[in-house]
Amino acid sequence: MPGKTKSTNMKFFVTIFILYFTIYSSKVLSQHEVPDTVKIGSYVTSLYNFDIANNSICADIHLWCLYNDTNYNFEEELEFINCEDFTFSGTSTEDLSDGKWFYTKSLIKIRQKYSTKNYPFDKQKIIISIESSEHTTKDFVFKPDIIGSRLDSSIYKQFDEWEIESIVFSSSESKYETSFGDPSLTSSSYPRFDIIIVLNRIGSWLLLFKLITGILVAFLISSCVFCIKPKNTDPRFGLCVGGLFAAIGNKYIVESIIPSTNELTLLDYLHNITFIAIFVIIIISVISLHIYEKEGIQYKRLSKKIDSISYFTVTASYITIFIYLIFYFK
C-alpha cells in the first residue's frame, strides 16, 4: 500500500538521521571531553642542606592524591622534575567511598638556581615541581589541596640565617615543544604541581658590615696619603699599595664565601669602586708630586691645595657612591 510504504520510508530516514546525529555528537563530545581532576597535596616536614654554592637543597615531603580513575598509578608516574635524586617510601593506596587515595613520603635533593646579585640582602625562591610522566592534561589536571597542604611548624626554626616569607601551593602545566615521537601530536602538556617557598635572609646589615670592613679600612688607609707631603714618596705610595692589596685580599675572602656567578653582585660593585678610588688617589699623588717638585713656593702651595681638595672630594664621592649602591641593591 502506498501510504504504508511512505510511512515506512519516513521512519527509516528518521532512524538513520538519529543514528548519524548520535555518532557525530559522541565524536564532538569526545574531542571536547573535560579532563579529570586529581586533588593533590603535600606536607613539608623538613628543609635541610641549604647549599647556595652548589645550588641545591634537600627536603622531606609527604605527598597524597585523591582521584577516581583506577588506571592512574601515581607511584610509578609521579616525578620531581627539578630534582637531582628522590625516593618514595611508605607508599600506600586505599579505596574510598568516592574514589581512591594515594600517599607516599618522598626524600628529595632539589636542583635550584640561587641568585646572589643582592647578597647579603637576597631573597631565595625554592620551587619544588611534581609532574605526571605518563598522562597529559587531556587526561587529568592537578587541583591543589590548599587546606591540607602546609609547612611543618618546626621548619620555621631550622634556619639561623633565613626566615620563611611565604609558601604557595599551586597547579600549572609543563608544556614541551615536542611530541616525543607521537605522530598525532605537535606538542605535549603534562599536569604539574608546584611548591613555592620564599626565604628572606635575616641579619643582612651585620653580615654586610663583616664583609666590607676590609675594603673600608683599605680605602681609609689609602686616603691618609693626602696628609703626607708629596716629597715623602715611600710612605705616600706605600700606603696606596698596601690599601690596594688589602682590598684585593678582602675580595678573595668574600669570593670564598659567596658562590661565583656571571652577573655583577653588590659586593663586586663595592670592591670595584674601592679599586677605582685607590687608583684615583695614586694618580692624584703623582700629579701632586710632579707639581711639588717644580721650583717656586706657589707650586708647593698648589700641591698642598690639591691634596686638601682631593681628600674631601674623593672621600665624599666614594662614600656617596658606596651608600647609593647598598640601598640600590637592597
C-alpha atoms as a PDB file:
ATOM      1  CA  MET A   1       0.000   0.000   0.000  1.00  0.00           C
ATOM      2  CA  PRO A   2       1.357   3.456  -0.932  1.00  0.00           C
ATOM      3  CA  GLY A   3       0.550   5.163   2.390  1.00  0.00           C
ATOM      4  CA  LYS A   4       2.150   2.433   4.447  1.00  0.00           C
ATOM      5  CA  THR A   5       5.265   2.388   2.252  1.00  0.00           C
ATOM      6  CA  LYS A   6       5.668   6.137   2.610  1.00  0.00           C
ATOM      7  CA  SER A   7       5.374   5.895   6.393  1.00  0.00           C
ATOM      8  CA  THR A   8       7.972   3.088   6.499  1.00  0.00           C
ATOM      9  CA  ASN A   9      10.429   5.131   4.428  1.00  0.00           C
ATOM     10  CA  MET A  10       9.930   8.109   6.722  1.00  0.00           C
ATOM     11  CA  LYS A  11      10.723   6.005   9.816  1.00  0.00           C
ATOM     12  CA  PHE A  12      13.806   4.630   8.083  1.00  0.00           C
ATOM     13  CA  PHE A  13      15.178   8.096   7.289  1.00  0.00           C
ATOM     14  CA  VAL A  14      14.418   9.330  10.815  1.00  0.00           C
ATOM     15  CA  THR A  15      16.242   6.332  12.272  1.00  0.00           C
ATOM     16  CA  ILE A  16      19.268   6.968  10.047  1.00  0.00           C
ATOM     17  CA  PHE A  17      19.278  10.652  10.998  1.00  0.00           C
ATOM     18  CA  ILE A  18      19.114   9.892  14.721  1.00  0.00           C
ATOM     19  CA  LEU A  19      21.909   7.321  14.425  1.00  0.00           C
ATOM     20  CA  TYR A  20      24.111   9.756  12.480  1.00  0.00           C
ATOM     21  CA  PHE A  21      23.428  12.552  14.958  1.00  0.00           C
ATOM     22  CA  THR A  22      24.255  10.278  17.895  1.00  0.00           C
ATOM     23  CA  ILE A  23      27.582   9.182  16.372  1.00  0.00           C
ATOM     24  CA  TYR A  24      28.523  12.758  15.416  1.00  0.00           C
ATOM     25  CA  SER A  25      27.615  14.089  18.863  1.00  0.00           C
ATOM     26  CA  SER A  26      29.691  11.421  20.597  1.00  0.00           C
ATOM     27  CA  LYS A  27      32.708  12.361  18.476  1.00  0.00           C
ATOM     28  CA  VAL A  28      32.301  16.060  19.249  1.00  0.00           C
ATOM     29  CA  LEU A  29      31.939  15.373  22.943  1.00  0.00           C
ATOM     30  CA  SER A  30      34.993  13.128  22.955  1.00  0.00           C
ATOM     31  CA  GLN A  31      37.028  15.867  21.274  1.00  0.00           C
ATOM     32  CA  HIS A  32      35.944  18.376  23.917  1.00  0.00           C
ATOM     33  CA  GLU A  33      35.988  15.959  26.833  1.00  0.00           C
ATOM     34  CA  VAL A  34      36.735  17.648  30.129  1.00  0.00           C
ATOM     35  CA  PRO A  35      39.829  16.119  31.782  1.00  0.00           C
ATOM     36  CA  ASP A  36      39.626  14.510  35.207  1.00  0.00           C
ATOM     37  CA  THR A  37      40.623  16.441  38.305  1.00  0.00           C
ATOM     38  CA  VAL A  38      43.187  14.938  40.677  1.00  0.00           C
ATOM     39  CA  LYS A  39      43.360  16.615  44.069  1.00  0.00           C
ATOM     40  CA  ILE A  40      46.982  16.735  45.205  1.00  0.00           C
ATOM     41  CA  GLY A  41      48.501  17.964  48.438  1.00  0.00           C
ATOM     42  CA  SER A  42      51.783  17.973  50.330  1.00  0.00           C
ATOM     43  CA  TYR A  43      53.097  18.429  53.841  1.00  0.00           C
ATOM     44  CA  VAL A  44      56.733  19.550  54.005  1.00  0.00           C
ATOM     45  CA  THR A  45      58.320  18.318  57.231  1.00  0.00           C
ATOM     46  CA  SER A  46      61.953  19.295  56.701  1.00  0.00           C
ATOM     47  CA  LEU A  47      64.259  21.509  54.628  1.00  0.00           C
ATOM     48  CA  TYR A  48      67.988  20.949  55.104  1.00  0.00           C
ATOM     49  CA  ASN A  49      71.430  21.058  53.441  1.00  0.00           C
ATOM     50  CA  PHE A  50      70.652  24.508  52.043  1.00  0.00           C
ATOM     51  CA  ASP A  51      73.731  24.928  49.824  1.00  0.00           C
ATOM     52  CA  ILE A  52      73.860  28.156  47.795  1.00  0.00           C
ATOM     53  CA  ALA A  53      77.336  27.365  46.436  1.00  0.00           C
ATOM     54  CA  ASN A  54      76.163  24.081  44.875  1.00  0.00           C
ATOM     55  CA  ASN A  55      72.621  25.295  44.051  1.00  0.00           C
ATOM     56  CA  SER A  56      70.839  22.568  45.987  1.00  0.00           C
ATOM     57  CA  ILE A  57      68.598  21.877  48.961  1.00  0.00           C
ATOM     58  CA  CYS A  58      67.084  18.707  50.449  1.00  0.00           C
ATOM     59  CA  ALA A  59      63.528  18.210  51.644  1.00  0.00           C
ATOM     60  CA  ASP A  60      61.248  15.635  53.228  1.00  0.00           C
ATOM     61  CA  ILE A  61      57.729  15.809  51.794  1.00  0.00           C
ATOM     62  CA  HIS A  62      54.531  13.858  52.464  1.00  0.00           C
ATOM     63  CA  LEU A  63      52.540  13.675  49.237  1.00  0.00           C
ATOM     64  CA  TRP A  64      48.984  12.491  48.524  1.00  0.00           C
ATOM     65  CA  CYS A  65      46.448  12.337  45.686  1.00  0.00           C
ATOM     66  CA  LEU A  66      42.660  11.893  45.648  1.00  0.00           C
ATOM     67  CA  TYR A  67      41.235  10.596  42.355  1.00  0.00           C
ATOM     68  CA  ASN A  68      38.564   8.434  40.724  1.00  0.00           C
ATOM     69  CA  ASP A  69      40.162   6.723  37.716  1.00  0.00           C
ATOM     70  CA  THR A  70      41.679   3.377  38.721  1.00  0.00           C
ATOM     71  CA  ASN A  71      44.064   3.477  35.743  1.00  0.00           C
ATOM     72  CA  TYR A  72      46.299   6.023  37.454  1.00  0.00           C
ATOM     73  CA  ASN A  73      49.414   4.612  39.118  1.00  0.00           C
ATOM     74  CA  PHE A  74      50.935   7.611  40.868  1.00  0.00           C
ATOM     75  CA  GLU A  75      53.721   5.624  42.477  1.00  0.00           C
ATOM     76  CA  GLU A  76      55.129   4.986  39.013  1.00  0.00           C
ATOM     77  CA  GLU A  77      54.230   8.180  37.164  1.00  0.00           C
ATOM     78  CA  LEU A  78      54.864  10.978  39.678  1.00  0.00           C
ATOM     79  CA  GLU A  79      58.306  12.562  39.427  1.00  0.00           C
ATOM     80  CA  PHE A  80      60.126  15.668  40.646  1.00  0.00           C
ATOM     81  CA  ILE A  81      61.246  17.490  37.517  1.00  0.00           C
ATOM     82  CA  ASN A  82      63.833  19.790  39.146  1.00  0.00           C
ATOM     83  CA  CYS A  83      65.302  17.107  41.327  1.00  0.00           C
ATOM     84  CA  GLU A  84      68.741  15.513  41.397  1.00  0.00           C
ATOM     85  CA  ASP A  85      67.584  12.484  43.351  1.00  0.00           C
ATOM     86  CA  PHE A  86      64.394  11.352  45.072  1.00  0.00           C
ATOM     87  CA  THR A  87      62.986   8.245  46.731  1.00  0.00           C
ATOM     88  CA  PHE A  88      59.465   7.230  47.738  1.00  0.00           C
ATOM     89  CA  SER A  89      58.807   5.364  50.985  1.00  0.00           C
ATOM     90  CA  GLY A  90      55.731   4.250  52.906  1.00  0.00           C
ATOM     91  CA  THR A  91      53.664   4.264  49.723  1.00  0.00           C
ATOM     92  CA  SER A  92      50.044   3.139  50.068  1.00  0.00           C
ATOM     93  CA  THR A  93      46.783   3.252  48.102  1.00  0.00           C
ATOM     94  CA  GLU A  94      43.311   2.888  49.580  1.00  0.00           C
ATOM     95  CA  ASP A  95      39.807   2.723  48.154  1.00  0.00           C
ATOM     96  CA  LEU A  96      37.410   5.375  49.425  1.00  0.00           C
ATOM     97  CA  SER A  97      33.670   5.692  49.082  1.00  0.00           C
ATOM     98  CA  ASP A  98      34.058   8.412  46.466  1.00  0.00           C
ATOM     99  CA  GLY A  99      37.361   7.476  44.847  1.00  0.00           C
ATOM    100  CA  LYS A 100      40.908   6.417  45.711  1.00  0.00           C
ATOM    101  CA  TRP A 101      43.634   7.820  47.964  1.00  0.00           C
ATOM    102  CA  PHE A 102      47.362   7.614  47.218  1.00  0.00           C
ATOM    103  CA  TYR A 103      50.024   8.507  49.808  1.00  0.00           C
ATOM    104  CA  THR A 104      53.807   8.484  49.866  1.00  0.00           C
ATOM    105  CA  LYS A 105      56.709  10.115  51.677  1.00  0.00           C
ATOM    106  CA  SER A 106      59.466  11.467  49.447  1.00  0.00           C
ATOM    107  CA  LEU A 107      63.078  12.308  50.262  1.00  0.00           C
ATOM    108  CA  ILE A 108      64.450  14.645  47.605  1.00  0.00           C
ATOM    109  CA  LYS A 109      67.523  16.647  46.687  1.00  0.00           C
ATOM    110  CA  ILE A 110      66.487  19.631  44.593  1.00  0.00           C
ATOM    111  CA  ARG A 111      68.499  21.393  41.905  1.00  0.00           C
ATOM    112  CA  GLN A 112      67.830  25.064  42.484  1.00  0.00           C
ATOM    113  CA  LYS A 113      69.354  28.142  40.862  1.00  0.00           C
ATOM    114  CA  TYR A 114      70.033  30.766  43.504  1.00  0.00           C
ATOM    115  CA  SER A 115      70.750  34.432  42.836  1.00  0.00           C
ATOM    116  CA  THR A 116      73.447  36.217  44.856  1.00  0.00           C
ATOM    117  CA  LYS A 117      73.240  39.523  42.995  1.00  0.00           C
ATOM    118  CA  ASN A 118      71.802  41.333  46.044  1.00  0.00           C
ATOM    119  CA  TYR A 119      73.785  39.374  48.643  1.00  0.00           C
ATOM    120  CA  PRO A 120      73.515  39.814  51.625  1.00  0.00           C
ATOM    121  CA  PHE A 121      70.090  41.421  51.027  1.00  0.00           C
ATOM    122  CA  ASP A 122      68.990  38.482  48.895  1.00  0.00           C
ATOM    123  CA  LYS A 123      65.772  36.522  48.822  1.00  0.00           C
ATOM    124  CA  GLN A 124      65.775  32.953  47.579  1.00  0.00           C
ATOM    125  CA  LYS A 125      62.867  31.167  45.925  1.00  0.00           C
ATOM    126  CA  ILE A 126      62.710  27.390  46.239  1.00  0.00           C
ATOM    127  CA  ILE A 127      60.457  25.705  43.693  1.00  0.00           C
ATOM    128  CA  ILE A 128      59.610  22.016  44.095  1.00  0.00           C
ATOM    129  CA  SER A 129      57.772  20.786  40.990  1.00  0.00           C
ATOM    130  CA  ILE A 130      55.921  17.471  40.732  1.00  0.00           C
ATOM    131  CA  GLU A 131      54.738  16.217  37.361  1.00  0.00           C
ATOM    132  CA  SER A 132      52.960  13.264  35.832  1.00  0.00           C
ATOM    133  CA  SER A 133      55.255  11.428  33.450  1.00  0.00           C
ATOM    134  CA  GLU A 134      52.575   9.311  31.737  1.00  0.00           C
ATOM    135  CA  HIS A 135      49.304  11.255  31.495  1.00  0.00           C
ATOM    136  CA  THR A 136      48.850  14.606  29.775  1.00  0.00           C
ATOM    137  CA  THR A 137      46.485  17.428  30.641  1.00  0.00           C
ATOM    138  CA  LYS A 138      43.960  15.826  28.279  1.00  0.00           C
ATOM    139  CA  ASP A 139      43.661  13.007  30.822  1.00  0.00           C
ATOM    140  CA  PHE A 140      43.662  14.943  34.090  1.00  0.00           C
ATOM    141  CA  VAL A 141      44.757  18.168  35.785  1.00  0.00           C
ATOM    142  CA  PHE A 142      46.022  18.746  39.314  1.00  0.00           C
ATOM    143  CA  LYS A 143      43.987  20.693  41.861  1.00  0.00           C
ATOM    144  CA  PRO A 144      45.940  21.751  44.980  1.00  0.00           C
ATOM    145  CA  ASP A 145      44.680  20.630  48.371  1.00  0.00           C
ATOM    146  CA  ILE A 146      45.042  24.098  49.888  1.00  0.00           C
ATOM    147  CA  ILE A 147      43.506  23.157  53.252  1.00  0.00           C
ATOM    148  CA  GLY A 148      45.708  20.140  53.913  1.00  0.00           C
ATOM    149  CA  SER A 149      48.961  21.405  52.376  1.00  0.00           C
ATOM    150  CA  ARG A 150      51.384  23.325  54.571  1.00  0.00           C
ATOM    151  CA  LEU A 151      54.855  23.515  56.089  1.00  0.00           C
ATOM    152  CA  ASP A 152      55.564  21.820  59.381  1.00  0.00           C
ATOM    153  CA  SER A 153      55.972  24.383  62.171  1.00  0.00           C
ATOM    154  CA  SER A 154      59.446  23.042  63.009  1.00  0.00           C
ATOM    155  CA  ILE A 155      60.795  24.234  59.626  1.00  0.00           C
ATOM    156  CA  TYR A 156      60.458  27.855  60.723  1.00  0.00           C
ATOM    157  CA  LYS A 157      63.148  27.181  63.327  1.00  0.00           C
ATOM    158  CA  GLN A 158      65.529  25.155  61.164  1.00  0.00           C
ATOM    159  CA  PHE A 159      67.383  28.115  59.621  1.00  0.00           C
ATOM    160  CA  ASP A 160      69.506  30.579  61.575  1.00  0.00           C
ATOM    161  CA  GLU A 161      70.108  32.953  58.665  1.00  0.00           C
ATOM    162  CA  TRP A 162      66.728  32.729  56.946  1.00  0.00           C
ATOM    163  CA  GLU A 163      63.094  33.321  57.631  1.00  0.00           C
ATOM    164  CA  ILE A 164      60.278  31.836  55.580  1.00  0.00           C
ATOM    165  CA  GLU A 165      58.432  34.728  53.974  1.00  0.00           C
ATOM    166  CA  SER A 166      55.736  32.809  52.091  1.00  0.00           C
ATOM    167  CA  ILE A 167      54.645  29.357  50.923  1.00  0.00           C
ATOM    168  CA  VAL A 168      52.398  28.751  47.901  1.00  0.00           C
ATOM    169  CA  PHE A 169      50.884  25.508  46.601  1.00  0.00           C
ATOM    170  CA  SER A 170      49.718  25.834  43.006  1.00  0.00           C
ATOM    171  CA  SER A 171      48.956  23.788  39.905  1.00  0.00           C
ATOM    172  CA  SER A 172      50.110  24.506  36.378  1.00  0.00           C
ATOM    173  CA  GLU A 173      51.126  22.800  33.137  1.00  0.00           C
ATOM    174  CA  SER A 174      54.514  21.665  31.908  1.00  0.00           C
ATOM    175  CA  LYS A 175      54.490  22.415  28.191  1.00  0.00           C
ATOM    176  CA  TYR A 176      57.040  20.743  25.937  1.00  0.00           C
ATOM    177  CA  GLU A 177      57.602  21.843  22.367  1.00  0.00           C
ATOM    178  CA  THR A 178      57.842  18.272  21.163  1.00  0.00           C
ATOM    179  CA  SER A 179      55.534  15.321  20.673  1.00  0.00           C
ATOM    180  CA  PHE A 180      58.168  12.840  21.985  1.00  0.00           C
ATOM    181  CA  GLY A 181      57.720  10.878  18.749  1.00  0.00           C
ATOM    182  CA  ASP A 182      53.929  10.714  18.767  1.00  0.00           C
ATOM    183  CA  PRO A 183      52.918  11.469  15.123  1.00  0.00           C
ATOM    184  CA  SER A 184      49.442  12.632  16.186  1.00  0.00           C
ATOM    185  CA  LEU A 185      50.816  15.487  18.288  1.00  0.00           C
ATOM    186  CA  THR A 186      52.958  18.557  17.653  1.00  0.00           C
ATOM    187  CA  SER A 187      53.493  19.381  21.327  1.00  0.00           C
ATOM    188  CA  SER A 188      52.595  17.967  24.719  1.00  0.00           C
ATOM    189  CA  SER A 189      51.443  19.298  28.075  1.00  0.00           C
ATOM    190  CA  TYR A 190      51.610  17.469  31.415  1.00  0.00           C
ATOM    191  CA  PRO A 191      49.902  18.312  34.727  1.00  0.00           C
ATOM    192  CA  ARG A 192      52.200  19.909  37.281  1.00  0.00           C
ATOM    193  CA  PHE A 193      52.062  20.725  40.994  1.00  0.00           C
ATOM    194  CA  ASP A 194      54.383  23.396  42.425  1.00  0.00           C
ATOM    195  CA  ILE A 195      55.501  24.088  45.978  1.00  0.00           C
ATOM    196  CA  ILE A 196      56.992  27.593  46.079  1.00  0.00           C
ATOM    197  CA  ILE A 197      58.860  28.678  49.220  1.00  0.00           C
ATOM    198  CA  VAL A 198      60.344  32.176  49.515  1.00  0.00           C
ATOM    199  CA  LEU A 199      63.184  32.644  52.015  1.00  0.00           C
ATOM    200  CA  ASN A 200      64.315  36.047  53.255  1.00  0.00           C
ATOM    201  CA  ARG A 201      67.809  36.477  54.731  1.00  0.00           C
ATOM    202  CA  ILE A 202      67.971  37.931  58.229  1.00  0.00           C
ATOM    203  CA  GLY A 203      70.870  39.840  59.816  1.00  0.00           C
ATOM    204  CA  SER A 204      71.858  41.278  56.421  1.00  0.00           C
ATOM    205  CA  TRP A 205      73.320  44.533  57.742  1.00  0.00           C
ATOM    206  CA  LEU A 206      75.592  42.795  60.236  1.00  0.00           C
ATOM    207  CA  LEU A 207      76.756  40.354  57.567  1.00  0.00           C
ATOM    208  CA  LEU A 208      77.404  43.206  55.127  1.00  0.00           C
ATOM    209  CA  PHE A 209      79.485  45.081  57.710  1.00  0.00           C
ATOM    210  CA  LYS A 210      81.622  41.988  58.309  1.00  0.00           C
ATOM    211  CA  LEU A 211      82.219  41.571  54.556  1.00  0.00           C
ATOM    212  CA  ILE A 212      83.055  45.200  53.727  1.00  0.00           C
ATOM    213  CA  THR A 213      85.221  46.027  56.747  1.00  0.00           C
ATOM    214  CA  GLY A 214      88.355  45.116  54.791  1.00  0.00           C
ATOM    215  CA  ILE A 215      87.669  47.426  51.835  1.00  0.00           C
ATOM    216  CA  LEU A 216      86.616  50.326  54.077  1.00  0.00           C
ATOM    217  CA  VAL A 217      89.877  50.052  56.023  1.00  0.00           C
ATOM    218  CA  ALA A 218      91.794  49.748  52.733  1.00  0.00           C
ATOM    219  CA  PHE A 219      90.258  52.965  51.422  1.00  0.00           C
ATOM    220  CA  LEU A 220      90.817  54.871  54.673  1.00  0.00           C
ATOM    221  CA  ILE A 221      94.468  53.801  54.690  1.00  0.00           C
ATOM    222  CA  SER A 222      94.875  54.948  51.094  1.00  0.00           C
ATOM    223  CA  SER A 223      93.149  58.295  51.707  1.00  0.00           C
ATOM    224  CA  CYS A 224      95.634  59.092  54.507  1.00  0.00           C
ATOM    225  CA  VAL A 225      98.296  59.779  51.851  1.00  0.00           C
ATOM    226  CA  PHE A 226      96.853  63.256  51.335  1.00  0.00           C
ATOM    227  CA  CYS A 227      98.147  64.139  54.806  1.00  0.00           C
ATOM    228  CA  ILE A 228     101.717  63.237  53.801  1.00  0.00           C
ATOM    229  CA  LYS A 229     103.936  65.635  51.883  1.00  0.00           C
ATOM    230  CA  PRO A 230     104.448  64.595  48.256  1.00  0.00           C
ATOM    231  CA  LYS A 231     108.228  64.504  48.691  1.00  0.00           C
ATOM    232  CA  ASN A 232     107.848  61.558  51.087  1.00  0.00           C
ATOM    233  CA  THR A 233     107.224  59.174  48.247  1.00  0.00           C
ATOM    234  CA  ASP A 234     107.839  55.912  50.122  1.00  0.00           C
ATOM    235  CA  PRO A 235     105.087  56.269  52.752  1.00  0.00           C
ATOM    236  CA  ARG A 236     102.794  58.113  50.354  1.00  0.00           C
ATOM    237  CA  PHE A 237     102.766  55.445  47.641  1.00  0.00           C
ATOM    238  CA  GLY A 238     103.368  52.619  50.117  1.00  0.00           C
ATOM    239  CA  LEU A 239     100.052  53.296  51.845  1.00  0.00           C
ATOM    240  CA  CYS A 240      98.224  53.188  48.490  1.00  0.00           C
ATOM    241  CA  VAL A 241      99.823  49.892  47.546  1.00  0.00           C
ATOM    242  CA  GLY A 242      99.092  48.480  50.997  1.00  0.00           C
ATOM    243  CA  GLY A 243      95.459  49.574  50.761  1.00  0.00           C
ATOM    244  CA  LEU A 244      95.155  48.057  47.284  1.00  0.00           C
ATOM    245  CA  PHE A 245      96.466  44.686  48.435  1.00  0.00           C
ATOM    246  CA  ALA A 246      94.164  44.796  51.464  1.00  0.00           C
ATOM    247  CA  ALA A 247      91.163  45.357  49.155  1.00  0.00           C
ATOM    248  CA  ILE A 248      92.253  42.524  46.857  1.00  0.00           C
ATOM    249  CA  GLY A 249      92.681  40.204  49.837  1.00  0.00           C
ATOM    250  CA  ASN A 250      89.206  41.093  51.087  1.00  0.00           C
ATOM    251  CA  LYS A 251      87.764  40.288  47.642  1.00  0.00           C
ATOM    252  CA  TYR A 252      89.306  36.809  47.710  1.00  0.00           C
ATOM    253  CA  ILE A 253      87.828  36.202  51.165  1.00  0.00           C
ATOM    254  CA  VAL A 254      84.375  37.309  50.007  1.00  0.00           C
ATOM    255  CA  GLU A 255      84.528  35.112  46.884  1.00  0.00           C
ATOM    256  CA  SER A 256      85.324  32.098  49.060  1.00  0.00           C
ATOM    257  CA  ILE A 257      82.066  32.723  50.935  1.00  0.00           C
ATOM    258  CA  ILE A 258      79.783  33.678  48.042  1.00  0.00           C
ATOM    259  CA  PRO A 259      79.496  31.329  45.051  1.00  0.00           C
ATOM    260  CA  SER A 260      80.792  32.670  41.766  1.00  0.00           C
ATOM    261  CA  THR A 261      78.258  33.990  39.258  1.00  0.00           C
ATOM    262  CA  ASN A 262      78.242  35.519  35.779  1.00  0.00           C
ATOM    263  CA  GLU A 263      76.486  38.681  36.988  1.00  0.00           C
ATOM    264  CA  LEU A 264      77.974  41.529  38.990  1.00  0.00           C
ATOM    265  CA  THR A 265      76.842  41.429  42.610  1.00  0.00           C
ATOM    266  CA  LEU A 266      76.580  44.196  45.188  1.00  0.00           C
ATOM    267  CA  LEU A 267      79.899  43.177  46.719  1.00  0.00           C
ATOM    268  CA  ASP A 268      81.550  43.149  43.285  1.00  0.00           C
ATOM    269  CA  TYR A 269      80.487  46.753  42.757  1.00  0.00           C
ATOM    270  CA  LEU A 270      81.707  47.777  46.219  1.00  0.00           C
ATOM    271  CA  HIS A 271      85.107  46.208  45.615  1.00  0.00           C
ATOM    272  CA  ASN A 272      85.380  47.702  42.132  1.00  0.00           C
ATOM    273  CA  ILE A 273      84.691  51.259  43.260  1.00  0.00           C
ATOM    274  CA  THR A 274      87.261  50.767  46.035  1.00  0.00           C
ATOM    275  CA  PHE A 275      89.870  49.723  43.456  1.00  0.00           C
ATOM    276  CA  ILE A 276      88.956  52.743  41.303  1.00  0.00           C
ATOM    277  CA  ALA A 277      89.115  55.114  44.282  1.00  0.00           C
ATOM    278  CA  ILE A 278      92.570  53.881  45.282  1.00  0.00           C
ATOM    279  CA  PHE A 279      93.746  54.164  41.671  1.00  0.00           C
ATOM    280  CA  VAL A 280      92.450  57.761  41.554  1.00  0.00           C
ATOM    281  CA  ILE A 281      94.347  58.522  44.766  1.00  0.00           C
ATOM    282  CA  ILE A 282      97.547  57.197  43.197  1.00  0.00           C
ATOM    283  CA  ILE A 283      97.028  59.351  40.083  1.00  0.00           C
ATOM    284  CA  ILE A 284      96.402  62.456  42.206  1.00  0.00           C
ATOM    285  CA  SER A 285      99.526  61.680  44.237  1.00  0.00           C
ATOM    286  CA  VAL A 286     101.615  61.504  41.066  1.00  0.00           C
ATOM    287  CA  ILE A 287     100.209  64.832  39.859  1.00  0.00           C
ATOM    288  CA  SER A 288     100.745  66.436  43.257  1.00  0.00           C
ATOM    289  CA  LEU A 289     104.328  65.177  43.398  1.00  0.00           C
ATOM    290  CA  HIS A 290     105.019  66.470  39.897  1.00  0.00           C
ATOM    291  CA  ILE A 291     103.761  69.960  40.861  1.00  0.00           C
ATOM    292  CA  TYR A 292     105.536  69.913  44.224  1.00  0.00           C
ATOM    293  CA  GLU A 293     108.926  69.251  42.620  1.00  0.00           C
ATOM    294  CA  LYS A 294     108.712  72.382  40.493  1.00  0.00           C
ATOM    295  CA  GLU A 295     110.683  75.354  41.750  1.00  0.00           C
ATOM    296  CA  GLY A 296     108.693  78.078  43.415  1.00  0.00           C
ATOM    297  CA  ILE A 297     106.697  78.396  46.628  1.00  0.00           C
ATOM    298  CA  GLN A 298     103.469  78.791  44.661  1.00  0.00           C
ATOM    299  CA  TYR A 299     103.796  75.221  43.316  1.00  0.00           C
ATOM    300  CA  LYS A 300     104.196  73.813  46.804  1.00  0.00           C
ATOM    301  CA  ARG A 301     101.091  75.697  47.918  1.00  0.00           C
ATOM    302  CA  LEU A 302      99.234  74.440  44.839  1.00  0.00           C
ATOM    303  CA  SER A 303     100.284  70.878  45.620  1.00  0.00           C
ATOM    304  CA  LYS A 304      99.055  71.223  49.201  1.00  0.00           C
ATOM    305  CA  LYS A 305      95.773  72.703  47.974  1.00  0.00           C
ATOM    306  CA  ILE A 306      95.284  69.823  45.535  1.00  0.00           C
ATOM    307  CA  ASP A 307      95.835  67.325  48.358  1.00  0.00           C
ATOM    308  CA  SER A 308      93.321  69.064  50.642  1.00  0.00           C
ATOM    309  CA  ILE A 309      90.617  69.346  47.986  1.00  0.00           C
ATOM    310  CA  SER A 310      91.243  65.807  46.737  1.00  0.00           C
ATOM    311  CA  TYR A 311      90.936  64.356  50.245  1.00  0.00           C
ATOM    312  CA  PHE A 312      87.432  65.734  50.792  1.00  0.00           C
ATOM    313  CA  THR A 313      86.308  65.251  47.179  1.00  0.00           C
ATOM    314  CA  VAL A 314      87.472  61.663  46.791  1.00  0.00           C
ATOM    315  CA  THR A 315      86.277  60.640  50.259  1.00  0.00           C
ATOM    316  CA  ALA A 316      82.862  62.253  49.837  1.00  0.00           C
ATOM    317  CA  SER A 317      82.410  60.789  46.339  1.00  0.00           C
ATOM    318  CA  TYR A 318      83.452  57.317  47.482  1.00  0.00           C
ATOM    319  CA  ILE A 319      81.121  57.304  50.500  1.00  0.00           C
ATOM    320  CA  THR A 320      78.210  58.672  48.438  1.00  0.00           C
ATOM    321  CA  ILE A 321      78.567  56.037  45.714  1.00  0.00           C
ATOM    322  CA  PHE A 322      79.145  53.344  48.345  1.00  0.00           C
ATOM    323  CA  ILE A 323      75.929  54.144  50.208  1.00  0.00           C
ATOM    324  CA  TYR A 324      73.959  54.578  46.975  1.00  0.00           C
ATOM    325  CA  LEU A 325      74.957  51.098  45.763  1.00  0.00           C
ATOM    326  CA  ILE A 326      73.985  49.485  49.062  1.00  0.00           C
ATOM    327  CA  PHE A 327      70.498  50.997  49.097  1.00  0.00           C
ATOM    328  CA  TYR A 328      70.057  50.432  45.361  1.00  0.00           C
ATOM    329  CA  PHE A 329      70.644  46.684  45.693  1.00  0.00           C
ATOM    330  CA  LYS A 330      68.783  46.476  48.974  1.00  0.00           C
END
